[in-house]
Structures are given as C-alpha cells and as structure tokens.
C-alpha cells in the first residue's frame, strides 16, 4: 500500500523540524503532491507534518490520472504512455498498480520527477485548511483523498 500526499498550507512560519520533514517528502511548495510507500518511517513523517498536508491511501485510478495529466520528465516534458512503455517496459495501468501497491517508488523511475505540481482545487476547499479532518477541516489523514486530487488535476 502507498499514500498520496499533498501539501495544502504554504511556507511562512513553519517550524524548522516540520520544514525539514516536508523537504524530505519533496513537498517544497503549496499544492505539490507525491506518492510514498506505507512504511513506519514515512508514517512518522506524515504524522509530524499532518498540520500542513493531506494524505490518504493511493488507488490505481487516481495514480494513473496523476501520471498522465501531471507527470513530468526531467526537462519539464510531459510523461507519456509511449515513454512508459518504451523505457519501463510496462503499460500505464501496471505502473499505476505498482505505485499504488507500494511495490515501486517514484524515485526508482529513471528521468521521472518524483513530484506532481497540482492546481488549487476546482470549487475551492470545502472546509478550513487550518484544521484536521477530524475537527472539520481539510488536513491530515483522509480516506477520500482521491476526490481532492481529481479536483486538483
């Protein structure tokens, strides 16, 4: 299993340790997203930065949409199905399944940037971006992360 992680809040007044955690997750700017495996190390990082990010379980369809619409190669070229088929010798569905299952990491893919630059969500955020989901906000762990991601593509 893997998590999709999106940075919701911006840069000013972030504590040093949380800033370093966000840097290690490669979430340097607002609305950057990445896919991380479900390991105890990453769970600790997600818990530490939960007041600045939204994260949830990755599903195959959402990962596939992210790869095709917002995936980039080095040189800011779009990630295409032909590139995936030729260099990785698998199709987009297989790649999305392996990424969502946690078998493969974005950093394992040659010349593919490990960060997705997303748009602000269409229709805006439905709740506060200063509170956790449990308190009626948008931050922290959410089961429905794919609904947020699809609005941001």
Protein backbone atom coordinates (compact mmCIF):
# COMPACT_ATOMS: atom_id res chain seq x y z
CA UNK A 1 0.00 0.00 0.00
CA UNK A 2 1.09 3.59 -0.60
CA UNK A 3 -0.09 7.07 0.33
CA UNK A 4 -0.75 10.10 -1.85
CA UNK A 5 0.49 13.19 0.00
CA UNK A 6 -0.46 16.78 -0.91
CA UNK A 7 0.86 19.93 0.70
CA UNK A 8 -2.07 22.23 1.46
CA UNK A 9 -0.57 25.03 3.52
CA UNK A 10 2.22 27.40 2.48
CA UNK A 11 5.74 28.19 3.61
CA UNK A 12 5.77 31.11 6.11
CA UNK A 13 6.23 30.44 9.84
CA UNK A 14 6.85 26.70 9.54
CA UNK A 15 8.88 25.22 12.39
CA UNK A 16 12.35 24.02 11.38
CA UNK A 17 11.76 20.31 12.07
CA UNK A 18 8.49 20.30 10.14
CA UNK A 19 10.12 22.22 7.26
CA UNK A 20 12.85 19.57 7.09
CA UNK A 21 10.25 16.79 7.11
CA UNK A 22 8.35 18.44 4.26
CA UNK A 23 11.64 18.81 2.36
CA UNK A 24 12.36 15.10 2.77
CA UNK A 25 8.88 14.32 1.47
CA UNK A 26 9.74 16.62 -1.51
CA UNK A 27 6.79 18.89 -0.74
CA UNK A 28 8.58 22.22 -1.09
CA UNK A 29 5.63 24.30 -2.28
CA UNK A 30 1.91 24.53 -1.84
CA UNK A 31 -0.10 22.06 -3.95
CA UNK A 32 2.84 19.74 -4.59
CA UNK A 33 1.97 16.06 -4.33
CA UNK A 34 3.91 12.82 -4.18
CA UNK A 35 3.36 9.11 -3.61
CA UNK A 36 5.16 7.46 -0.69
CA UNK A 37 5.16 3.81 0.46
CA UNK A 38 3.48 2.78 3.69
CA UNK A 39 6.48 2.21 5.97
CA UNK A 40 6.94 3.16 9.64
CA UNK A 41 9.45 5.86 8.66
CA UNK A 42 7.07 7.54 6.23
CA UNK A 43 4.16 7.16 8.67
CA UNK A 44 6.19 9.09 11.26
CA UNK A 45 6.98 11.81 8.73
CA UNK A 46 3.31 12.09 7.73
CA UNK A 47 2.23 12.29 11.36
CA UNK A 48 4.78 15.02 12.08
CA UNK A 49 3.68 17.17 9.10
CA UNK A 50 -0.07 16.46 9.41
CA UNK A 51 -0.87 20.13 10.09
CA UNK A 52 0.42 21.12 6.62
CA UNK A 53 -0.54 18.17 4.42
CA UNK A 54 -3.46 16.00 3.43
CA UNK A 55 -2.78 12.33 2.75
CA UNK A 56 -4.66 9.14 2.11
CA UNK A 57 -4.46 5.71 0.51
CA UNK A 58 -3.46 5.66 -3.15
CA UNK A 59 -5.77 3.89 -5.56
CA UNK A 60 -4.84 2.76 -9.06
CA UNK A 61 -7.20 5.08 -10.98
CA UNK A 62 -6.08 8.25 -9.19
CA UNK A 63 -2.39 7.40 -9.60
CA UNK A 64 -2.94 6.72 -13.31
CA UNK A 65 -4.66 10.11 -13.76
CA UNK A 66 -1.84 11.87 -11.88
CA UNK A 67 0.83 10.21 -14.02
CA UNK A 68 -0.84 11.04 -17.33
CA UNK A 69 -2.03 14.57 -16.54
CA UNK A 70 0.64 15.99 -14.22
CA UNK A 71 3.61 13.58 -14.50
CA UNK A 72 6.79 15.23 -15.77
CA UNK A 73 10.16 14.09 -17.05
CA UNK A 74 13.42 15.92 -16.45
CA UNK A 75 13.38 18.98 -18.69
CA UNK A 76 9.70 19.59 -17.86
CA UNK A 77 8.48 17.31 -20.65
CA UNK A 78 5.17 15.52 -20.10
CA UNK A 79 5.21 11.85 -19.09
CA UNK A 80 3.60 9.94 -21.96
CA UNK A 81 2.32 6.40 -22.37
CA UNK A 82 4.93 5.78 -25.09
CA UNK A 83 7.78 6.79 -22.75
CA UNK A 84 6.47 4.48 -20.02
CA UNK A 85 6.06 1.60 -22.46
CA UNK A 86 9.48 2.06 -24.10
CA UNK A 87 11.71 2.78 -21.10
CA UNK A 88 9.96 0.94 -18.28
CA UNK A 89 8.63 -1.94 -20.42
CA UNK A 90 5.18 -1.85 -18.80
CA UNK A 91 1.96 -0.04 -19.54
CA UNK A 92 0.44 2.80 -17.53
CA UNK A 93 -2.03 0.54 -15.71
CA UNK A 94 0.75 -1.75 -14.47
CA UNK A 95 2.87 1.20 -13.36
CA UNK A 96 -0.07 2.79 -11.52
CA UNK A 97 -0.85 -0.52 -9.82
CA UNK A 98 2.76 -0.98 -8.67
CA UNK A 99 2.98 2.62 -7.38
CA UNK A 100 -0.38 2.36 -5.56
CA UNK A 101 0.60 -1.01 -4.11
CA UNK A 102 3.90 0.32 -2.78
CA UNK A 103 6.00 -2.13 -4.82
CA UNK A 104 7.66 0.72 -6.73
CA UNK A 105 8.64 4.27 -5.73
CA UNK A 106 8.66 7.37 -7.91
CA UNK A 107 12.38 7.76 -7.22
CA UNK A 108 13.00 4.33 -8.81
CA UNK A 109 11.78 5.59 -12.20
CA UNK A 110 14.57 6.98 -14.35
CA UNK A 111 14.17 10.62 -15.52
CA UNK A 112 10.71 10.94 -13.92
CA UNK A 113 10.27 13.79 -11.44
CA UNK A 114 9.06 12.46 -8.06
CA UNK A 115 6.70 15.42 -7.52
CA UNK A 116 3.40 16.34 -9.15
CA UNK A 117 2.62 20.05 -9.38
CA UNK A 118 -1.13 20.33 -8.94
CA UNK A 119 -3.61 23.19 -9.35
CA UNK A 120 -5.67 24.57 -6.47
CA UNK A 121 -8.86 22.50 -6.18
CA UNK A 122 -11.71 23.42 -8.53
CA UNK A 123 -14.51 24.85 -6.43
CA UNK A 124 -12.10 25.64 -3.61
CA UNK A 125 -11.66 23.83 -0.35
CA UNK A 126 -14.95 22.81 1.24
CA UNK A 127 -13.70 23.29 4.82
CA UNK A 128 -10.97 25.08 6.74
CA UNK A 129 -7.34 24.44 5.74
CA UNK A 130 -6.23 25.18 9.31
CA UNK A 131 -7.95 22.19 10.94
CA UNK A 132 -7.59 18.44 10.74
CA UNK A 133 -10.29 16.35 9.06
CA UNK A 134 -11.49 15.09 12.46
CA UNK A 135 -12.05 18.70 13.59
CA UNK A 136 -13.94 19.65 10.43
CA UNK A 137 -11.03 20.72 8.22
CA UNK A 138 -9.05 19.53 5.21
CA UNK A 139 -5.70 18.48 6.75
CA UNK A 140 -4.35 15.14 7.93
CA UNK A 141 -5.42 11.62 7.01
CA UNK A 142 -8.47 11.31 4.74
CA UNK A 143 -9.98 8.22 3.18
CA UNK A 144 -11.33 10.27 0.24
CA UNK A 145 -8.03 11.80 -0.88
CA UNK A 146 -8.82 10.83 -4.48
CA UNK A 147 -11.81 13.22 -4.60
CA UNK A 148 -9.50 16.10 -3.62
CA UNK A 149 -6.77 15.03 -6.06
CA UNK A 150 -9.16 14.73 -9.01
CA UNK A 151 -10.37 18.29 -8.37
CA UNK A 152 -6.73 19.46 -8.39
CA UNK A 153 -5.70 17.85 -11.72
